[in-house]
Every structure is written in C-alpha cells, then in structure tokens.
C-alpha cells in the first residue's frame, strides 16, 4: 500500500460519509411518502451507526495490539541495552583494575 498522506481510517470514514450522503439524497428524491422516506432514512442511519461501531471496535483492537507489540519491543530493547551497559561497566572495571595493578 502506498503512503500518499491519507490514513486508512480517513479513507474508510470518507467512503462511509459519501455513501450516507448519497443514500440520503437518493432517499429524498425517491417517489415515496414522507413517512416511508423518514423510516428508510432512520434505518439507513442505524445501519451506518452499526457499521461505524463495528469499524471502531476493529480499529481499537488493532491499536491495542499495536501498542502491546510496541511495549514488548521497547521492553526487549531496554533489556538488551541494560545488559550492554552492565557488560560495559564490568569491562571498564576490569580494565581499570589491570591498569592499577601494572602501576
């Protein structure tokens, strides 16, 4: 997927919004009674809300998973860095002791 400055979420929301607007306009111009038109608009709004809720749940799940992966990555790298610092300290002290004994 190429990165052209638009996130997937923005594209999906734009698509849904365009669909809602298009469906709303189609319903308003359809040859139906006002009561039938209002009922169809209500049903469409409920359907869009349900789909948006599903999408938000999916996005939240992905974000939570990504955050957890990030935390694990940071913890792993922090552990490696701590071990490297400790090894460096030990090497420094050993070299320091060598030079103190050779004086």
PDB file of N, CA and C in Angstrom:
ATOM      1  N   UNK A   1       0.842  -1.169   0.000  1.00  0.00           N
ATOM      2  CA  UNK A   1       0.000   0.000   0.000  1.00  0.00           C
ATOM      3  C   UNK A   1       0.885   1.229   0.000  1.00  0.00           C
ATOM      4  N   UNK A   2       0.620   2.184  -0.847  1.00  0.00           N
ATOM      5  CA  UNK A   2       1.486   3.353  -0.869  1.00  0.00           C
ATOM      6  C   UNK A   2       0.963   4.402   0.091  1.00  0.00           C
ATOM      7  N   UNK A   3       1.881   5.192   0.596  1.00  0.00           N
ATOM      8  CA  UNK A   3       1.525   6.213   1.567  1.00  0.00           C
ATOM      9  C   UNK A   3       1.426   7.539   0.846  1.00  0.00           C
ATOM     10  N   UNK A   4       0.195   8.006   0.616  1.00  0.00           N
ATOM     11  CA  UNK A   4       0.008   9.286  -0.058  1.00  0.00           C
ATOM     12  C   UNK A   4      -0.518  10.342   0.896  1.00  0.00           C
ATOM     13  N   UNK A   5      -0.305  10.137   2.196  1.00  0.00           N
ATOM     14  CA  UNK A   5      -0.706  11.126   3.184  1.00  0.00           C
ATOM     15  C   UNK A   5      -2.084  10.888   3.772  1.00  0.00           C
ATOM     16  N   UNK A   6      -2.785   9.848   3.333  1.00  0.00           N
ATOM     17  CA  UNK A   6      -4.115   9.552   3.851  1.00  0.00           C
ATOM     18  C   UNK A   6      -4.063   8.242   4.616  1.00  0.00           C
ATOM     19  N   UNK A   7      -4.571   8.277   5.851  1.00  0.00           N
ATOM     20  CA  UNK A   7      -4.617   7.036   6.615  1.00  0.00           C
ATOM     21  C   UNK A   7      -5.795   6.198   6.153  1.00  0.00           C
ATOM     22  N   UNK A   8      -5.728   4.911   6.416  1.00  0.00           N
ATOM     23  CA  UNK A   8      -6.807   4.003   6.044  1.00  0.00           C
ATOM     24  C   UNK A   8      -8.108   4.417   6.717  1.00  0.00           C
ATOM     25  N   UNK A   9      -8.020   4.827   7.971  1.00  0.00           N
ATOM     26  CA  UNK A   9      -9.210   5.259   8.698  1.00  0.00           C
ATOM     27  C   UNK A   9      -9.882   6.446   8.037  1.00  0.00           C
ATOM     28  N   UNK A  10      -9.084   7.409   7.564  1.00  0.00           N
ATOM     29  CA  UNK A  10      -9.631   8.581   6.901  1.00  0.00           C
ATOM     30  C   UNK A  10     -10.337   8.187   5.618  1.00  0.00           C
ATOM     31  N   UNK A  11      -9.745   7.287   4.880  1.00  0.00           N
ATOM     32  CA  UNK A  11     -10.345   6.841   3.628  1.00  0.00           C
ATOM     33  C   UNK A  11     -11.657   6.116   3.903  1.00  0.00           C
ATOM     34  N   UNK A  12     -11.684   5.251   4.908  1.00  0.00           N
ATOM     35  CA  UNK A  12     -12.895   4.500   5.239  1.00  0.00           C
ATOM     36  C   UNK A  12     -14.001   5.437   5.702  1.00  0.00           C
ATOM     37  N   UNK A  13     -13.658   6.381   6.567  1.00  0.00           N
ATOM     38  CA  UNK A  13     -14.660   7.338   7.050  1.00  0.00           C
ATOM     39  C   UNK A  13     -15.195   8.173   5.894  1.00  0.00           C
ATOM     40  N   UNK A  14     -14.313   8.610   5.010  1.00  0.00           N
ATOM     41  CA  UNK A  14     -14.749   9.383   3.843  1.00  0.00           C
ATOM     42  C   UNK A  14     -15.680   8.564   2.960  1.00  0.00           C
ATOM     43  N   UNK A  15     -15.349   7.303   2.767  1.00  0.00           N
ATOM     44  CA  UNK A  15     -16.179   6.419   1.969  1.00  0.00           C
ATOM     45  C   UNK A  15     -17.554   6.252   2.598  1.00  0.00           C
ATOM     46  N   UNK A  16     -17.580   5.989   3.901  1.00  0.00           N
ATOM     47  CA  UNK A  16     -18.854   5.832   4.602  1.00  0.00           C
ATOM     48  C   UNK A  16     -19.680   7.112   4.544  1.00  0.00           C
ATOM     49  N   UNK A  17     -19.035   8.241   4.766  1.00  0.00           N
ATOM     50  CA  UNK A  17     -19.738   9.516   4.728  1.00  0.00           C
ATOM     51  C   UNK A  17     -20.308   9.780   3.340  1.00  0.00           C
ATOM     52  N   UNK A  18     -19.550   9.490   2.314  1.00  0.00           N
ATOM     53  CA  UNK A  18     -20.037   9.657   0.942  1.00  0.00           C
ATOM     54  C   UNK A  18     -21.221   8.742   0.665  1.00  0.00           C
ATOM     55  N   UNK A  19     -21.150   7.518   1.171  1.00  0.00           N
ATOM     56  CA  UNK A  19     -22.260   6.583   0.999  1.00  0.00           C
ATOM     57  C   UNK A  19     -23.518   7.056   1.700  1.00  0.00           C
ATOM     58  N   UNK A  20     -23.347   7.586   2.904  1.00  0.00           N
ATOM     59  CA  UNK A  20     -24.503   8.087   3.660  1.00  0.00           C
ATOM     60  C   UNK A  20     -25.133   9.272   2.950  1.00  0.00           C
ATOM     61  N   UNK A  21     -24.316  10.190   2.503  1.00  0.00           N
ATOM     62  CA  UNK A  21     -24.838  11.364   1.800  1.00  0.00           C
ATOM     63  C   UNK A  21     -25.543  10.949   0.519  1.00  0.00           C
ATOM     64  N   UNK A  22     -24.923  10.068  -0.240  1.00  0.00           N
ATOM     65  CA  UNK A  22     -25.532   9.592  -1.487  1.00  0.00           C
ATOM     66  C   UNK A  22     -26.846   8.872  -1.243  1.00  0.00           C
ATOM     67  N   UNK A  23     -26.855   8.013  -0.236  1.00  0.00           N
ATOM     68  CA  UNK A  23     -28.087   7.283   0.083  1.00  0.00           C
ATOM     69  C   UNK A  23     -29.166   8.241   0.570  1.00  0.00           C
ATOM     70  N   UNK A  24     -28.776   9.222   1.368  1.00  0.00           N
ATOM     71  CA  UNK A  24     -29.752  10.204   1.858  1.00  0.00           C
ATOM     72  C   UNK A  24     -30.367  11.003   0.731  1.00  0.00           C
ATOM     73  N   UNK A  25     -29.542  11.435  -0.211  1.00  0.00           N
ATOM     74  CA  UNK A  25     -30.053  12.183  -1.363  1.00  0.00           C
ATOM     75  C   UNK A  25     -30.968  11.299  -2.200  1.00  0.00           C
ATOM     76  N   UNK A  26     -30.574  10.056  -2.418  1.00  0.00           N
ATOM     77  CA  UNK A  26     -31.406   9.132  -3.196  1.00  0.00           C
ATOM     78  C   UNK A  26     -32.759   8.922  -2.513  1.00  0.00           C
ATOM     79  N   UNK A  27     -32.732   8.790  -1.194  1.00  0.00           N
ATOM     80  CA  UNK A  27     -33.986   8.600  -0.461  1.00  0.00           C
ATOM     81  C   UNK A  27     -34.886   9.829  -0.548  1.00  0.00           C
ATOM     82  N   UNK A  28     -34.280  10.996  -0.493  1.00  0.00           N
ATOM     83  CA  UNK A  28     -35.075  12.223  -0.542  1.00  0.00           C
ATOM     84  C   UNK A  28     -35.736  12.431  -1.905  1.00  0.00           C
ATOM     85  N   UNK A  29     -35.105  11.966  -2.952  1.00  0.00           N
ATOM     86  CA  UNK A  29     -35.655  12.146  -4.289  1.00  0.00           C
ATOM     87  C   UNK A  29     -36.463  10.940  -4.779  1.00  0.00           C
ATOM     88  N   UNK A  30     -36.525   9.885  -3.975  1.00  0.00           N
ATOM     89  CA  UNK A  30     -37.293   8.694  -4.359  1.00  0.00           C
ATOM     90  C   UNK A  30     -38.789   9.005  -4.252  1.00  0.00           C
ATOM     91  N   UNK A  31     -39.585   8.435  -5.147  1.00  0.00           N
ATOM     92  CA  UNK A  31     -41.032   8.711  -5.107  1.00  0.00           C
ATOM     93  C   UNK A  31     -41.728   7.897  -4.016  1.00  0.00           C
ATOM     94  N   UNK A  32     -41.632   8.355  -2.777  1.00  0.00           N
ATOM     95  CA  UNK A  32     -42.261   7.701  -1.638  1.00  0.00           C
ATOM     96  C   UNK A  32     -42.924   8.760  -0.784  1.00  0.00           C
ATOM     97  N   UNK A  33     -43.754   8.289   0.119  1.00  0.00           N
ATOM     98  CA  UNK A  33     -44.384   9.225   1.049  1.00  0.00           C
ATOM     99  C   UNK A  33     -43.348   9.695   2.060  1.00  0.00           C
ATOM    100  N   UNK A  34     -43.655  10.804   2.721  1.00  0.00           N
ATOM    101  CA  UNK A  34     -42.736  11.347   3.730  1.00  0.00           C
ATOM    102  C   UNK A  34     -42.477  10.367   4.848  1.00  0.00           C
ATOM    103  N   UNK A  35     -43.511   9.649   5.272  1.00  0.00           N
ATOM    104  CA  UNK A  35     -43.365   8.679   6.348  1.00  0.00           C
ATOM    105  C   UNK A  35     -42.433   7.545   5.929  1.00  0.00           C
ATOM    106  N   UNK A  36     -42.609   7.023   4.726  1.00  0.00           N
ATOM    107  CA  UNK A  36     -41.744   5.942   4.235  1.00  0.00           C
ATOM    108  C   UNK A  36     -40.300   6.431   4.098  1.00  0.00           C
ATOM    109  N   UNK A  37     -40.149   7.653   3.600  1.00  0.00           N
ATOM    110  CA  UNK A  37     -38.803   8.211   3.422  1.00  0.00           C
ATOM    111  C   UNK A  37     -38.105   8.380   4.770  1.00  0.00           C
ATOM    112  N   UNK A  38     -38.815   8.900   5.751  1.00  0.00           N
ATOM    113  CA  UNK A  38     -38.226   9.069   7.081  1.00  0.00           C
ATOM    114  C   UNK A  38     -37.841   7.716   7.687  1.00  0.00           C
ATOM    115  N   UNK A  39     -38.692   6.728   7.495  1.00  0.00           N
ATOM    116  CA  UNK A  39     -38.401   5.384   8.003  1.00  0.00           C
ATOM    117  C   UNK A  39     -37.146   4.818   7.340  1.00  0.00           C
ATOM    118  N   UNK A  40     -37.025   4.985   6.041  1.00  0.00           N
ATOM    119  CA  UNK A  40     -35.831   4.489   5.318  1.00  0.00           C
ATOM    120  C   UNK A  40     -34.583   5.221   5.791  1.00  0.00           C
ATOM    121  N   UNK A  41     -34.697   6.536   5.979  1.00  0.00           N
ATOM    122  CA  UNK A  41     -33.547   7.304   6.469  1.00  0.00           C
ATOM    123  C   UNK A  41     -33.152   6.821   7.864  1.00  0.00           C
ATOM    124  N   UNK A  42     -34.117   6.576   8.725  1.00  0.00           N
ATOM    125  CA  UNK A  42     -33.852   6.074  10.075  1.00  0.00           C
ATOM    126  C   UNK A  42     -33.139   4.724  10.010  1.00  0.00           C
ATOM    127  N   UNK A  43     -33.623   3.830   9.157  1.00  0.00           N
ATOM    128  CA  UNK A  43     -32.998   2.514   9.007  1.00  0.00           C
ATOM    129  C   UNK A  43     -31.572   2.638   8.479  1.00  0.00           C
ATOM    130  N   UNK A  44     -31.394   3.526   7.508  1.00  0.00           N
ATOM    131  CA  UNK A  44     -30.056   3.741   6.950  1.00  0.00           C
ATOM    132  C   UNK A  44     -29.122   4.290   8.021  1.00  0.00           C
ATOM    133  N   UNK A  45     -29.597   5.240   8.806  1.00  0.00           N
ATOM    134  CA  UNK A  45     -28.769   5.827   9.865  1.00  0.00           C
ATOM    135  C   UNK A  45     -28.379   4.765  10.888  1.00  0.00           C
ATOM    136  N   UNK A  46     -29.300   3.896  11.249  1.00  0.00           N
ATOM    137  CA  UNK A  46     -28.996   2.821  12.196  1.00  0.00           C
ATOM    138  C   UNK A  46     -27.971   1.856  11.608  1.00  0.00           C
ATOM    139  N   UNK A  47     -28.116   1.550  10.329  1.00  0.00           N
ATOM    140  CA  UNK A  47     -27.175   0.649   9.664  1.00  0.00           C
ATOM    141  C   UNK A  47     -25.776   1.257   9.637  1.00  0.00           C
ATOM    142  N   UNK A  48     -25.704   2.539   9.298  1.00  0.00           N
ATOM    143  CA  UNK A  48     -24.399   3.221   9.258  1.00  0.00           C
ATOM    144  C   UNK A  48     -23.790   3.271  10.656  1.00  0.00           C
ATOM    145  N   UNK A  49     -24.606   3.539  11.665  1.00  0.00           N
ATOM    146  CA  UNK A  49     -24.110   3.573  13.039  1.00  0.00           C
ATOM    147  C   UNK A  49     -23.547   2.211  13.437  1.00  0.00           C
ATOM    148  N   UNK A  50     -24.274   1.152  13.107  1.00  0.00           N
ATOM    149  CA  UNK A  50     -23.785  -0.191  13.427  1.00  0.00           C
ATOM    150  C   UNK A  50     -22.463  -0.491  12.734  1.00  0.00           C
ATOM    151  N   UNK A  51     -22.368  -0.125  11.472  1.00  0.00           N
ATOM    152  CA  UNK A  51     -21.119  -0.366  10.738  1.00  0.00           C
ATOM    153  C   UNK A  51     -19.984   0.468  11.305  1.00  0.00           C
ATOM    154  N   UNK A  52     -20.277   1.719  11.672  1.00  0.00           N
ATOM    155  CA  UNK A  52     -19.250   2.576  12.262  1.00  0.00           C
ATOM    156  C   UNK A  52     -18.793   2.012  13.609  1.00  0.00           C
ATOM    157  N   UNK A  53     -19.742   1.513  14.401  1.00  0.00           N
ATOM    158  CA  UNK A  53     -19.377   0.897  15.687  1.00  0.00           C
ATOM    159  C   UNK A  53     -18.484  -0.322  15.470  1.00  0.00           C
ATOM    160  N   UNK A  54     -18.831  -1.145  14.486  1.00  0.00           N
ATOM    161  CA  UNK A  54     -18.002  -2.315  14.167  1.00  0.00           C
ATOM    162  C   UNK A  54     -16.602  -1.889  13.754  1.00  0.00           C
ATOM    163  N   UNK A  55     -16.537  -0.866  12.890  1.00  0.00           N
ATOM    164  CA  UNK A  55     -15.248  -0.369  12.419  1.00  0.00           C
ATOM    165  C   UNK A  55     -14.424   0.177  13.578  1.00  0.00           C
ATOM    166  N   UNK A  56     -15.072   0.925  14.474  1.00  0.00           N
ATOM    167  CA  UNK A  56     -14.339   1.481  15.614  1.00  0.00           C
ATOM    168  C   UNK A  56     -13.825   0.362  16.523  1.00  0.00           C
ATOM    169  N   UNK A  57     -14.628  -0.675  16.707  1.00  0.00           N
ATOM    170  CA  UNK A  57     -14.174  -1.806  17.513  1.00  0.00           C
ATOM    171  C   UNK A  57     -12.958  -2.468  16.893  1.00  0.00           C
ATOM    172  N   UNK A  58     -12.988  -2.616  15.579  1.00  0.00           N
ATOM    173  CA  UNK A  58     -11.854  -3.225  14.875  1.00  0.00           C
ATOM    174  C   UNK A  58     -10.610  -2.342  14.983  1.00  0.00           C
ATOM    175  N   UNK A  59     -10.802  -1.040  14.806  1.00  0.00           N
ATOM    176  CA  UNK A  59      -9.675  -0.105  14.893  1.00  0.00           C
ATOM    177  C   UNK A  59      -9.100  -0.112  16.308  1.00  0.00           C
ATOM    178  N   UNK A  60      -9.968  -0.091  17.313  1.00  0.00           N
ATOM    179  CA  UNK A  60      -9.483  -0.124  18.697  1.00  0.00           C
ATOM    180  C   UNK A  60      -8.680  -1.400  18.961  1.00  0.00           C
ATOM    181  N   UNK A  61      -9.163  -2.516  18.426  1.00  0.00           N
ATOM    182  CA  UNK A  61      -8.442  -3.774  18.600  1.00  0.00           C
ATOM    183  C   UNK A  61      -7.066  -3.735  17.957  1.00  0.00           C
ATOM    184  N   UNK A  62      -7.014  -3.182  16.759  1.00  0.00           N
ATOM    185  CA  UNK A  62      -5.717  -3.084  16.074  1.00  0.00           C
ATOM    186  C   UNK A  62      -4.767  -2.149  16.810  1.00  0.00           C
ATOM    187  N   UNK A  63      -5.303  -1.023  17.290  1.00  0.00           N
ATOM    188  CA  UNK A  63      -4.465  -0.067  18.022  1.00  0.00           C
ATOM    189  C   UNK A  63      -3.937  -0.715  19.298  1.00  0.00           C
ATOM    190  N   UNK A  64      -4.807  -1.404  20.033  1.00  0.00           N
ATOM    191  CA  UNK A  64      -4.384  -2.069  21.269  1.00  0.00           C
ATOM    192  C   UNK A  64      -3.300  -3.109  20.981  1.00  0.00           C
ATOM    193  N   UNK A  65      -3.480  -3.864  19.896  1.00  0.00           N
ATOM    194  CA  UNK A  65      -2.492  -4.882  19.528  1.00  0.00           C
ATOM    195  C   UNK A  65      -1.162  -4.224  19.154  1.00  0.00           C
ATOM    196  N   UNK A  66      -1.226  -3.137  18.412  1.00  0.00           N
ATOM    197  CA  UNK A  66      -0.010  -2.423  18.016  1.00  0.00           C
ATOM    198  C   UNK A  66       0.700  -1.839  19.231  1.00  0.00           C
ATOM    199  N   UNK A  67      -0.068  -1.277  20.156  1.00  0.00           N
ATOM    200  CA  UNK A  67       0.531  -0.723  21.373  1.00  0.00           C
ATOM    201  C   UNK A  67       1.201  -1.825  22.175  1.00  0.00           C
ATOM    202  N   UNK A  68       0.543  -2.957  22.310  1.00  0.00           N
ATOM    203  CA  UNK A  68       1.121  -4.078  23.054  1.00  0.00           C
ATOM    204  C   UNK A  68       2.414  -4.556  22.395  1.00  0.00           C
ATOM    205  N   UNK A  69       2.405  -4.651  21.062  1.00  0.00           N
ATOM    206  CA  UNK A  69       3.621  -5.050  20.346  1.00  0.00           C
ATOM    207  C   UNK A  69       4.734  -4.036  20.579  1.00  0.00           C
ATOM    208  N   UNK A  70       4.369  -2.761  20.573  1.00  0.00           N
ATOM    209  CA  UNK A  70       5.352  -1.708  20.818  1.00  0.00           C
ATOM    210  C   UNK A  70       5.937  -1.798  22.214  1.00  0.00           C
ATOM    211  N   UNK A  71       5.083  -2.064  23.199  1.00  0.00           N
ATOM    212  CA  UNK A  71       5.564  -2.205  24.577  1.00  0.00           C
ATOM    213  C   UNK A  71       6.527  -3.375  24.696  1.00  0.00           C
ATOM    214  N   UNK A  72       6.180  -4.492  24.058  1.00  0.00           N
ATOM    215  CA  UNK A  72       7.054  -5.662  24.103  1.00  0.00           C
ATOM    216  C   UNK A  72       8.390  -5.366  23.432  1.00  0.00           C
ATOM    217  N   UNK A  73       8.350  -4.655  22.305  1.00  0.00           N
ATOM    218  CA  UNK A  73       9.570  -4.294  21.590  1.00  0.00           C
ATOM    219  C   UNK A  73      10.457  -3.414  22.468  1.00  0.00           C
ATOM    220  N   UNK A  74       9.854  -2.399  23.078  1.00  0.00           N
ATOM    221  CA  UNK A  74      10.621  -1.486  23.936  1.00  0.00           C
ATOM    222  C   UNK A  74      11.207  -2.237  25.127  1.00  0.00           C
ATOM    223  N   UNK A  75      10.413  -3.112  25.745  1.00  0.00           N
ATOM    224  CA  UNK A  75      10.910  -3.873  26.892  1.00  0.00           C
ATOM    225  C   UNK A  75      12.093  -4.749  26.491  1.00  0.00           C
ATOM    226  N   UNK A  76      11.987  -5.377  25.324  1.00  0.00           N
ATOM    227  CA  UNK A  76      13.074  -6.232  24.849  1.00  0.00           C
ATOM    228  C   UNK A  76      14.342  -5.410  24.599  1.00  0.00           C
ATOM    229  N   UNK A  77      14.182  -4.278  23.928  1.00  0.00           N
ATOM    230  CA  UNK A  77      15.353  -3.445  23.630  1.00  0.00           C
ATOM    231  C   UNK A  77      15.926  -2.840  24.901  1.00  0.00           C
ATOM    232  N   UNK A  78      15.059  -2.491  25.844  1.00  0.00           N
ATOM    233  CA  UNK A  78      15.530  -1.940  27.117  1.00  0.00           C
ATOM    234  C   UNK A  78      16.366  -2.980  27.852  1.00  0.00           C
ATOM    235  N   UNK A  79      15.922  -4.232  27.811  1.00  0.00           N
ATOM    236  CA  UNK A  79      16.650  -5.315  28.466  1.00  0.00           C
ATOM    237  C   UNK A  79      18.020  -5.510  27.816  1.00  0.00           C
ATOM    238  N   UNK A  80      18.037  -5.503  26.501  1.00  0.00           N
ATOM    239  CA  UNK A  80      19.308  -5.660  25.774  1.00  0.00           C
ATOM    240  C   UNK A  80      20.248  -4.505  26.102  1.00  0.00           C
ATOM    241  N   UNK A  81      19.708  -3.289  26.135  1.00  0.00           N
ATOM    242  CA  UNK A  81      20.524  -2.115  26.432  1.00  0.00           C
ATOM    243  C   UNK A  81      21.064  -2.185  27.859  1.00  0.00           C
ATOM    244  N   UNK A  82      20.226  -2.600  28.804  1.00  0.00           N
ATOM    245  CA  UNK A  82      20.673  -2.712  30.195  1.00  0.00           C
ATOM    246  C   UNK A  82      21.803  -3.734  30.315  1.00  0.00           C
ATOM    247  N   UNK A  83      21.668  -4.852  29.606  1.00  0.00           N
ATOM    248  CA  UNK A  83      22.725  -5.871  29.626  1.00  0.00           C
ATOM    249  C   UNK A  83      24.016  -5.320  29.019  1.00  0.00           C
ATOM    250  N   UNK A  84      23.886  -4.566  27.937  1.00  0.00           N
ATOM    251  CA  UNK A  84      25.075  -3.995  27.295  1.00  0.00           C
ATOM    252  C   UNK A  84      25.753  -2.974  28.209  1.00  0.00           C
ATOM    253  N   UNK A  85      24.963  -2.166  28.889  1.00  0.00           N
ATOM    254  CA  UNK A  85      25.537  -1.183  29.824  1.00  0.00           C
ATOM    255  C   UNK A  85      26.252  -1.902  30.967  1.00  0.00           C
ATOM    256  N   UNK A  86      25.616  -2.929  31.487  1.00  0.00           N
ATOM    257  CA  UNK A  86      26.238  -3.687  32.570  1.00  0.00           C
ATOM    258  C   UNK A  86      27.539  -4.341  32.106  1.00  0.00           C
ATOM    259  N   UNK A  87      27.540  -4.906  30.907  1.00  0.00           N
ATOM    260  CA  UNK A  87      28.765  -5.513  30.365  1.00  0.00           C
ATOM    261  C   UNK A  87      29.840  -4.456  30.183  1.00  0.00           C
ATOM    262  N   UNK A  88      29.448  -3.277  29.741  1.00  0.00           N
ATOM    263  CA  UNK A  88      30.416  -2.187  29.580  1.00  0.00           C
ATOM    264  C   UNK A  88      31.013  -1.757  30.912  1.00  0.00           C
ATOM    265  N   UNK A  89      30.177  -1.680  31.938  1.00  0.00           N
ATOM    266  CA  UNK A  89      30.670  -1.319  33.269  1.00  0.00           C
ATOM    267  C   UNK A  89      31.669  -2.350  33.777  1.00  0.00           C
ATOM    268  N   UNK A  90      31.310  -3.632  33.587  1.00  0.00           N
ATOM    269  CA  UNK A  90      32.206  -4.706  34.040  1.00  0.00           C
ATOM    270  C   UNK A  90      33.536  -4.638  33.295  1.00  0.00           C
ATOM    271  N   UNK A  91      33.491  -4.417  32.005  1.00  0.00           N
ATOM    272  CA  UNK A  91      34.725  -4.332  31.217  1.00  0.00           C
ATOM    273  C   UNK A  91      35.547  -3.133  31.664  1.00  0.00           C
ATOM    274  N   UNK A  92      34.901  -2.030  31.942  1.00  0.00           N
ATOM    275  CA  UNK A  92      35.608  -0.835  32.418  1.00  0.00           C
ATOM    276  C   UNK A  92      36.315  -1.114  33.734  1.00  0.00           C
ATOM    277  N   UNK A  93      35.595  -1.747  34.668  1.00  0.00           N
ATOM    278  CA  UNK A  93      36.204  -2.031  35.975  1.00  0.00           C
ATOM    279  C   UNK A  93      37.365  -3.012  35.848  1.00  0.00           C
ATOM    280  N   UNK A  94      37.248  -4.010  34.991  1.00  0.00           N
ATOM    281  CA  UNK A  94      38.342  -4.962  34.791  1.00  0.00           C
ATOM    282  C   UNK A  94      39.569  -4.267  34.223  1.00  0.00           C
ATOM    283  N   UNK A  95      39.356  -3.413  33.226  1.00  0.00           N
ATOM    284  CA  UNK A  95      40.486  -2.684  32.630  1.00  0.00           C
ATOM    285  C   UNK A  95      41.104  -1.730  33.642  1.00  0.00           C
ATOM    286  N   UNK A  96      40.259  -1.116  34.434  1.00  0.00           N
ATOM    287  CA  UNK A  96      40.755  -0.190  35.456  1.00  0.00           C
ATOM    288  C   UNK A  96      41.616  -0.936  36.466  1.00  0.00           C
ATOM    289  N   UNK A  97      41.162  -2.132  36.870  1.00  0.00           N
ATOM    290  CA  UNK A  97      41.940  -2.939  37.817  1.00  0.00           C
ATOM    291  C   UNK A  97      43.263  -3.371  37.207  1.00  0.00           C
ATOM    292  N   UNK A  98      43.265  -3.735  35.907  1.00  0.00           N
ATOM    293  CA  UNK A  98      44.508  -4.134  35.236  1.00  0.00           C
ATOM    294  C   UNK A  98      45.517  -2.997  35.273  1.00  0.00           C
ATOM    295  N   UNK A  99      45.045  -1.799  34.966  1.00  0.00           N
ATOM    296  CA  UNK A  99      45.960  -0.650  34.928  1.00  0.00           C
ATOM    297  C   UNK A  99      46.429  -0.255  36.329  1.00  0.00           C
ATOM    298  N   UNK A 100      45.613  -0.472  37.340  1.00  0.00           N
ATOM    299  CA  UNK A 100      46.031  -0.153  38.708  1.00  0.00           C
ATOM    300  C   UNK A 100      47.095  -1.133  39.193  1.00  0.00           C
ATOM    301  N   UNK A 101      46.997  -2.406  38.763  1.00  0.00           N
ATOM    302  CA  UNK A 101      47.989  -3.405  39.193  1.00  0.00           C
ATOM    303  C   UNK A 101      49.296  -3.267  38.433  1.00  0.00           C
ATOM    304  N   UNK A 102      49.271  -2.723  37.243  1.00  0.00           N
ATOM    305  CA  UNK A 102      50.505  -2.581  36.467  1.00  0.00           C
ATOM    306  C   UNK A 102      51.275  -1.333  36.846  1.00  0.00           C
ATOM    307  N   UNK A 103      50.729  -0.461  37.638  1.00  0.00           N
ATOM    308  CA  UNK A 103      51.427   0.778  38.031  1.00  0.00           C
ATOM    309  C   UNK A 103      52.429   0.532  39.098  1.00  0.00           C
TER     310      UNK A 103
END
